[in-house]
Structure formats: structure tokens, C-alpha cells
Amino acid sequence: MKNSTDFELAHAIRGHWTVEVNNHIRDVTLKEDQQRTIKTAITQILATCRTFVINLLNKLKPVNKVAQLELFSDNFDTLIDWLKVVGFL
């Protein structure tokens, strides 16, 4: 039987990589580093919106997140329908 230290270490590593993947999505897919704002409140609101988008994409589990975002931007009704399915609207 594996000891609890092995389990805790594996859990910590998995948690770290989850954060890294989300940071990659923020930087590459949502282009967070390219967005500049002067006001702290706007920066916080945009960060919250990005987190919301990442969480929605994680629920949807698309093969290609960028393609899914492009589909939503090209067809707003698809986005609205999906937000209804997940219980947001």
C-alpha cells in the first residue's frame, strides 16, 4: 500500500500543473498579458471574467478551446444556448 506522503506529493504536483495550464490558457488563448489597464478595478473585473471563461470551457471540455471561443464569437446564439444548458442563464 502506498503511504500518504506519496499521495500528497502526487496531489500537490497535479494541483501545480492545473494552475500552470490555467495560466497558459490565460496568457495564450485569452491574451491576458497583452491587455493593459490603468485602473485596478478594471483589471480585477477582467481577471474575474477570464476565470469565468476558463471555468465554462472546463465544463464544456472542448477538444480545441480556441475553436470553441471562435464558435461562440461567430454565433452568439450558440453561446446563449450553452449558458442555458449549464444553468448560468
N, C-alpha and C. Protein backbone atom coordinates (compact mmCIF):
# COMPACT_ATOMS: atom_id res chain seq x y z
N MET A 1 0.84 -1.18 0.00
CA MET A 1 0.00 0.00 0.00
C MET A 1 0.89 1.25 0.00
N LYS A 2 0.54 2.20 -0.83
CA LYS A 2 1.31 3.45 -0.87
C LYS A 2 1.05 4.26 0.39
N ASN A 3 2.08 4.96 0.80
CA ASN A 3 1.88 5.76 2.01
C ASN A 3 1.24 7.11 1.65
N SER A 4 0.76 7.79 2.65
CA SER A 4 0.03 9.05 2.42
C SER A 4 0.93 10.14 1.87
N THR A 5 2.24 10.06 2.14
CA THR A 5 3.16 11.06 1.61
C THR A 5 3.21 11.01 0.09
N ASP A 6 3.21 9.81 -0.47
CA ASP A 6 3.19 9.65 -1.94
C ASP A 6 1.92 10.27 -2.52
N PHE A 7 0.81 9.99 -1.88
CA PHE A 7 -0.47 10.53 -2.35
C PHE A 7 -0.47 12.06 -2.27
N GLU A 8 0.00 12.60 -1.17
CA GLU A 8 0.04 14.05 -1.00
C GLU A 8 0.95 14.71 -2.02
N LEU A 9 2.10 14.09 -2.30
CA LEU A 9 3.02 14.62 -3.28
C LEU A 9 2.39 14.61 -4.68
N ALA A 10 1.77 13.50 -5.05
CA ALA A 10 1.11 13.41 -6.36
C ALA A 10 -0.01 14.44 -6.47
N HIS A 11 -0.76 14.62 -5.40
CA HIS A 11 -1.86 15.59 -5.39
C HIS A 11 -1.31 17.01 -5.54
N ALA A 12 -0.21 17.32 -4.87
CA ALA A 12 0.39 18.65 -4.97
C ALA A 12 0.92 18.91 -6.38
N ILE A 13 1.54 17.91 -6.98
CA ILE A 13 2.05 18.06 -8.35
C ILE A 13 0.90 18.28 -9.32
N ARG A 14 -0.15 17.50 -9.20
CA ARG A 14 -1.33 17.66 -10.07
C ARG A 14 -1.94 19.04 -9.90
N GLY A 15 -2.04 19.51 -8.68
CA GLY A 15 -2.57 20.84 -8.43
C GLY A 15 -1.72 21.93 -9.04
N HIS A 16 -0.39 21.76 -8.95
CA HIS A 16 0.52 22.74 -9.54
C HIS A 16 0.31 22.82 -11.05
N TRP A 17 0.22 21.67 -11.71
CA TRP A 17 0.08 21.68 -13.16
C TRP A 17 -1.29 22.19 -13.60
N THR A 18 -2.30 22.03 -12.77
CA THR A 18 -3.61 22.62 -13.07
C THR A 18 -3.48 24.13 -13.12
N VAL A 19 -2.76 24.71 -12.17
CA VAL A 19 -2.54 26.16 -12.15
C VAL A 19 -1.76 26.58 -13.39
N GLU A 20 -0.71 25.83 -13.73
CA GLU A 20 0.10 26.17 -14.91
C GLU A 20 -0.72 26.11 -16.19
N VAL A 21 -1.57 25.11 -16.33
CA VAL A 21 -2.43 25.00 -17.52
C VAL A 21 -3.36 26.20 -17.59
N ASN A 22 -3.97 26.57 -16.47
CA ASN A 22 -4.87 27.72 -16.47
C ASN A 22 -4.11 29.01 -16.80
N ASN A 23 -2.89 29.15 -16.31
CA ASN A 23 -2.09 30.33 -16.66
C ASN A 23 -1.77 30.35 -18.15
N HIS A 24 -1.50 29.19 -18.72
CA HIS A 24 -1.24 29.11 -20.15
C HIS A 24 -2.48 29.53 -20.94
N ILE A 25 -3.65 29.08 -20.53
CA ILE A 25 -4.90 29.47 -21.20
C ILE A 25 -5.09 30.97 -21.10
N ARG A 26 -4.84 31.53 -19.91
CA ARG A 26 -4.98 32.98 -19.72
C ARG A 26 -4.03 33.74 -20.64
N ASP A 27 -2.78 33.28 -20.72
CA ASP A 27 -1.77 34.01 -21.47
C ASP A 27 -1.90 33.81 -22.98
N VAL A 28 -2.13 32.58 -23.42
CA VAL A 28 -2.12 32.27 -24.85
C VAL A 28 -3.50 32.42 -25.48
N THR A 29 -4.49 31.77 -24.92
CA THR A 29 -5.83 31.79 -25.51
C THR A 29 -6.54 33.12 -25.27
N LEU A 30 -6.50 33.60 -24.04
CA LEU A 30 -7.23 34.82 -23.70
C LEU A 30 -6.36 36.07 -23.76
N LYS A 31 -5.07 35.90 -24.09
CA LYS A 31 -4.13 37.00 -24.31
C LYS A 31 -4.09 38.00 -23.14
N GLU A 32 -4.07 37.46 -21.94
CA GLU A 32 -4.11 38.31 -20.75
C GLU A 32 -2.92 39.28 -20.68
N ASP A 33 -1.74 38.82 -21.05
CA ASP A 33 -0.56 39.67 -20.95
C ASP A 33 -0.59 40.85 -21.91
N GLN A 34 -1.38 40.76 -22.96
CA GLN A 34 -1.46 41.84 -23.94
C GLN A 34 -2.46 42.92 -23.54
N GLN A 35 -3.29 42.64 -22.55
CA GLN A 35 -4.29 43.60 -22.11
C GLN A 35 -3.70 44.49 -21.03
N ARG A 36 -3.76 45.78 -21.25
CA ARG A 36 -3.24 46.74 -20.28
C ARG A 36 -4.39 47.63 -19.80
N THR A 37 -4.50 47.77 -18.50
CA THR A 37 -5.50 48.67 -17.93
C THR A 37 -4.81 49.55 -16.88
N ILE A 38 -5.37 50.72 -16.69
CA ILE A 38 -4.80 51.66 -15.73
C ILE A 38 -5.44 51.48 -14.36
N LYS A 39 -6.72 51.21 -14.34
CA LYS A 39 -7.46 51.14 -13.08
C LYS A 39 -7.47 49.70 -12.53
N THR A 40 -7.18 49.58 -11.25
CA THR A 40 -7.12 48.29 -10.59
C THR A 40 -8.46 47.56 -10.66
N ALA A 41 -9.55 48.29 -10.49
CA ALA A 41 -10.87 47.66 -10.52
C ALA A 41 -11.14 46.99 -11.87
N ILE A 42 -10.75 47.65 -12.94
CA ILE A 42 -10.96 47.07 -14.28
C ILE A 42 -10.11 45.82 -14.44
N THR A 43 -8.88 45.87 -13.96
CA THR A 43 -8.00 44.70 -14.02
C THR A 43 -8.63 43.52 -13.28
N GLN A 44 -9.19 43.77 -12.11
CA GLN A 44 -9.83 42.72 -11.32
C GLN A 44 -11.07 42.17 -12.01
N ILE A 45 -11.86 43.05 -12.60
CA ILE A 45 -13.06 42.61 -13.31
C ILE A 45 -12.69 41.73 -14.51
N LEU A 46 -11.69 42.15 -15.27
CA LEU A 46 -11.25 41.37 -16.42
C LEU A 46 -10.69 40.01 -15.98
N ALA A 47 -9.96 39.98 -14.88
CA ALA A 47 -9.43 38.72 -14.36
C ALA A 47 -10.56 37.79 -13.96
N THR A 48 -11.60 38.34 -13.35
CA THR A 48 -12.77 37.55 -12.97
C THR A 48 -13.47 37.00 -14.20
N CYS A 49 -13.60 37.83 -15.22
CA CYS A 49 -14.22 37.37 -16.47
C CYS A 49 -13.41 36.25 -17.11
N ARG A 50 -12.09 36.38 -17.10
CA ARG A 50 -11.24 35.32 -17.66
C ARG A 50 -11.40 34.02 -16.87
N THR A 51 -11.45 34.12 -15.55
CA THR A 51 -11.65 32.94 -14.72
C THR A 51 -12.98 32.29 -15.04
N PHE A 52 -14.01 33.09 -15.22
CA PHE A 52 -15.34 32.59 -15.58
C PHE A 52 -15.28 31.84 -16.90
N VAL A 53 -14.61 32.42 -17.89
CA VAL A 53 -14.49 31.79 -19.21
C VAL A 53 -13.74 30.46 -19.10
N ILE A 54 -12.65 30.44 -18.34
CA ILE A 54 -11.89 29.20 -18.16
C ILE A 54 -12.75 28.13 -17.50
N ASN A 55 -13.50 28.50 -16.47
CA ASN A 55 -14.37 27.54 -15.80
C ASN A 55 -15.45 27.01 -16.73
N LEU A 56 -16.03 27.89 -17.56
CA LEU A 56 -17.03 27.44 -18.52
C LEU A 56 -16.43 26.49 -19.55
N LEU A 57 -15.25 26.83 -20.04
CA LEU A 57 -14.59 25.95 -21.00
C LEU A 57 -14.25 24.60 -20.37
N ASN A 58 -13.85 24.61 -19.12
CA ASN A 58 -13.57 23.34 -18.43
C ASN A 58 -14.82 22.49 -18.30
N LYS A 59 -15.98 23.11 -18.11
CA LYS A 59 -17.24 22.36 -18.06
C LYS A 59 -17.59 21.79 -19.43
N LEU A 60 -17.35 22.58 -20.46
CA LEU A 60 -17.69 22.19 -21.82
C LEU A 60 -16.74 21.11 -22.35
N LYS A 61 -15.49 21.15 -21.93
CA LYS A 61 -14.45 20.21 -22.34
C LYS A 61 -14.32 20.10 -23.86
N PRO A 62 -14.13 21.23 -24.54
CA PRO A 62 -13.95 21.15 -25.99
C PRO A 62 -12.58 20.57 -26.34
N VAL A 63 -12.48 20.00 -27.52
CA VAL A 63 -11.19 19.48 -27.99
C VAL A 63 -10.22 20.64 -28.19
N ASN A 64 -10.75 21.75 -28.71
CA ASN A 64 -9.93 22.93 -29.00
C ASN A 64 -10.61 24.15 -28.39
N LYS A 65 -10.03 24.68 -27.34
CA LYS A 65 -10.65 25.82 -26.64
C LYS A 65 -10.72 27.07 -27.51
N VAL A 66 -9.68 27.32 -28.29
CA VAL A 66 -9.68 28.49 -29.17
C VAL A 66 -10.80 28.38 -30.19
N ALA A 67 -10.95 27.20 -30.79
CA ALA A 67 -12.01 26.99 -31.78
C ALA A 67 -13.39 27.17 -31.14
N GLN A 68 -13.53 26.71 -29.90
CA GLN A 68 -14.81 26.87 -29.21
C GLN A 68 -15.12 28.34 -28.96
N LEU A 69 -14.12 29.09 -28.54
CA LEU A 69 -14.32 30.53 -28.33
C LEU A 69 -14.67 31.23 -29.63
N GLU A 70 -14.02 30.83 -30.72
CA GLU A 70 -14.33 31.42 -32.03
C GLU A 70 -15.76 31.07 -32.45
N LEU A 71 -16.20 29.84 -32.18
CA LEU A 71 -17.58 29.46 -32.49
C LEU A 71 -18.55 30.33 -31.71
N PHE A 72 -18.28 30.53 -30.43
CA PHE A 72 -19.15 31.39 -29.61
C PHE A 72 -19.16 32.82 -30.13
N SER A 73 -18.00 33.33 -30.55
CA SER A 73 -17.96 34.72 -31.03
C SER A 73 -18.63 34.86 -32.39
N ASP A 74 -18.58 33.81 -33.20
CA ASP A 74 -19.23 33.85 -34.52
C ASP A 74 -20.73 33.62 -34.43
N ASN A 75 -21.17 32.89 -33.42
CA ASN A 75 -22.58 32.54 -33.29
C ASN A 75 -23.01 32.74 -31.84
N PHE A 76 -23.45 33.95 -31.54
CA PHE A 76 -23.81 34.31 -30.17
C PHE A 76 -24.95 33.45 -29.63
N ASP A 77 -25.86 33.03 -30.50
CA ASP A 77 -26.98 32.18 -30.06
C ASP A 77 -26.47 30.85 -29.50
N THR A 78 -25.38 30.34 -30.07
CA THR A 78 -24.79 29.10 -29.56
C THR A 78 -24.29 29.29 -28.14
N LEU A 79 -23.66 30.42 -27.89
CA LEU A 79 -23.18 30.73 -26.55
C LEU A 79 -24.36 30.84 -25.58
N ILE A 80 -25.40 31.56 -25.96
CA ILE A 80 -26.57 31.72 -25.09
C ILE A 80 -27.21 30.37 -24.80
N ASP A 81 -27.36 29.54 -25.83
CA ASP A 81 -27.94 28.21 -25.63
C ASP A 81 -27.12 27.39 -24.65
N TRP A 82 -25.81 27.46 -24.81
CA TRP A 82 -24.95 26.68 -23.93
C TRP A 82 -24.98 27.21 -22.49
N LEU A 83 -25.03 28.54 -22.33
CA LEU A 83 -25.13 29.11 -20.98
C LEU A 83 -26.43 28.69 -20.30
N LYS A 84 -27.47 28.49 -21.08
CA LYS A 84 -28.74 27.98 -20.52
C LYS A 84 -28.58 26.52 -20.09
N VAL A 85 -27.88 25.73 -20.90
CA VAL A 85 -27.69 24.32 -20.58
C VAL A 85 -26.92 24.14 -19.28
N VAL A 86 -25.90 24.95 -19.06
CA VAL A 86 -25.11 24.81 -17.82
C VAL A 86 -25.75 25.53 -16.64
N GLY A 87 -26.90 26.16 -16.85
CA GLY A 87 -27.63 26.79 -15.75
C GLY A 87 -27.17 28.18 -15.39
N PHE A 88 -26.40 28.83 -16.29
CA PHE A 88 -25.97 30.19 -16.00
C PHE A 88 -27.09 31.20 -16.31
N LEU A 89 -27.85 30.91 -17.34
CA LEU A 89 -28.97 31.79 -17.70
C LEU A 89 -30.30 31.08 -17.47
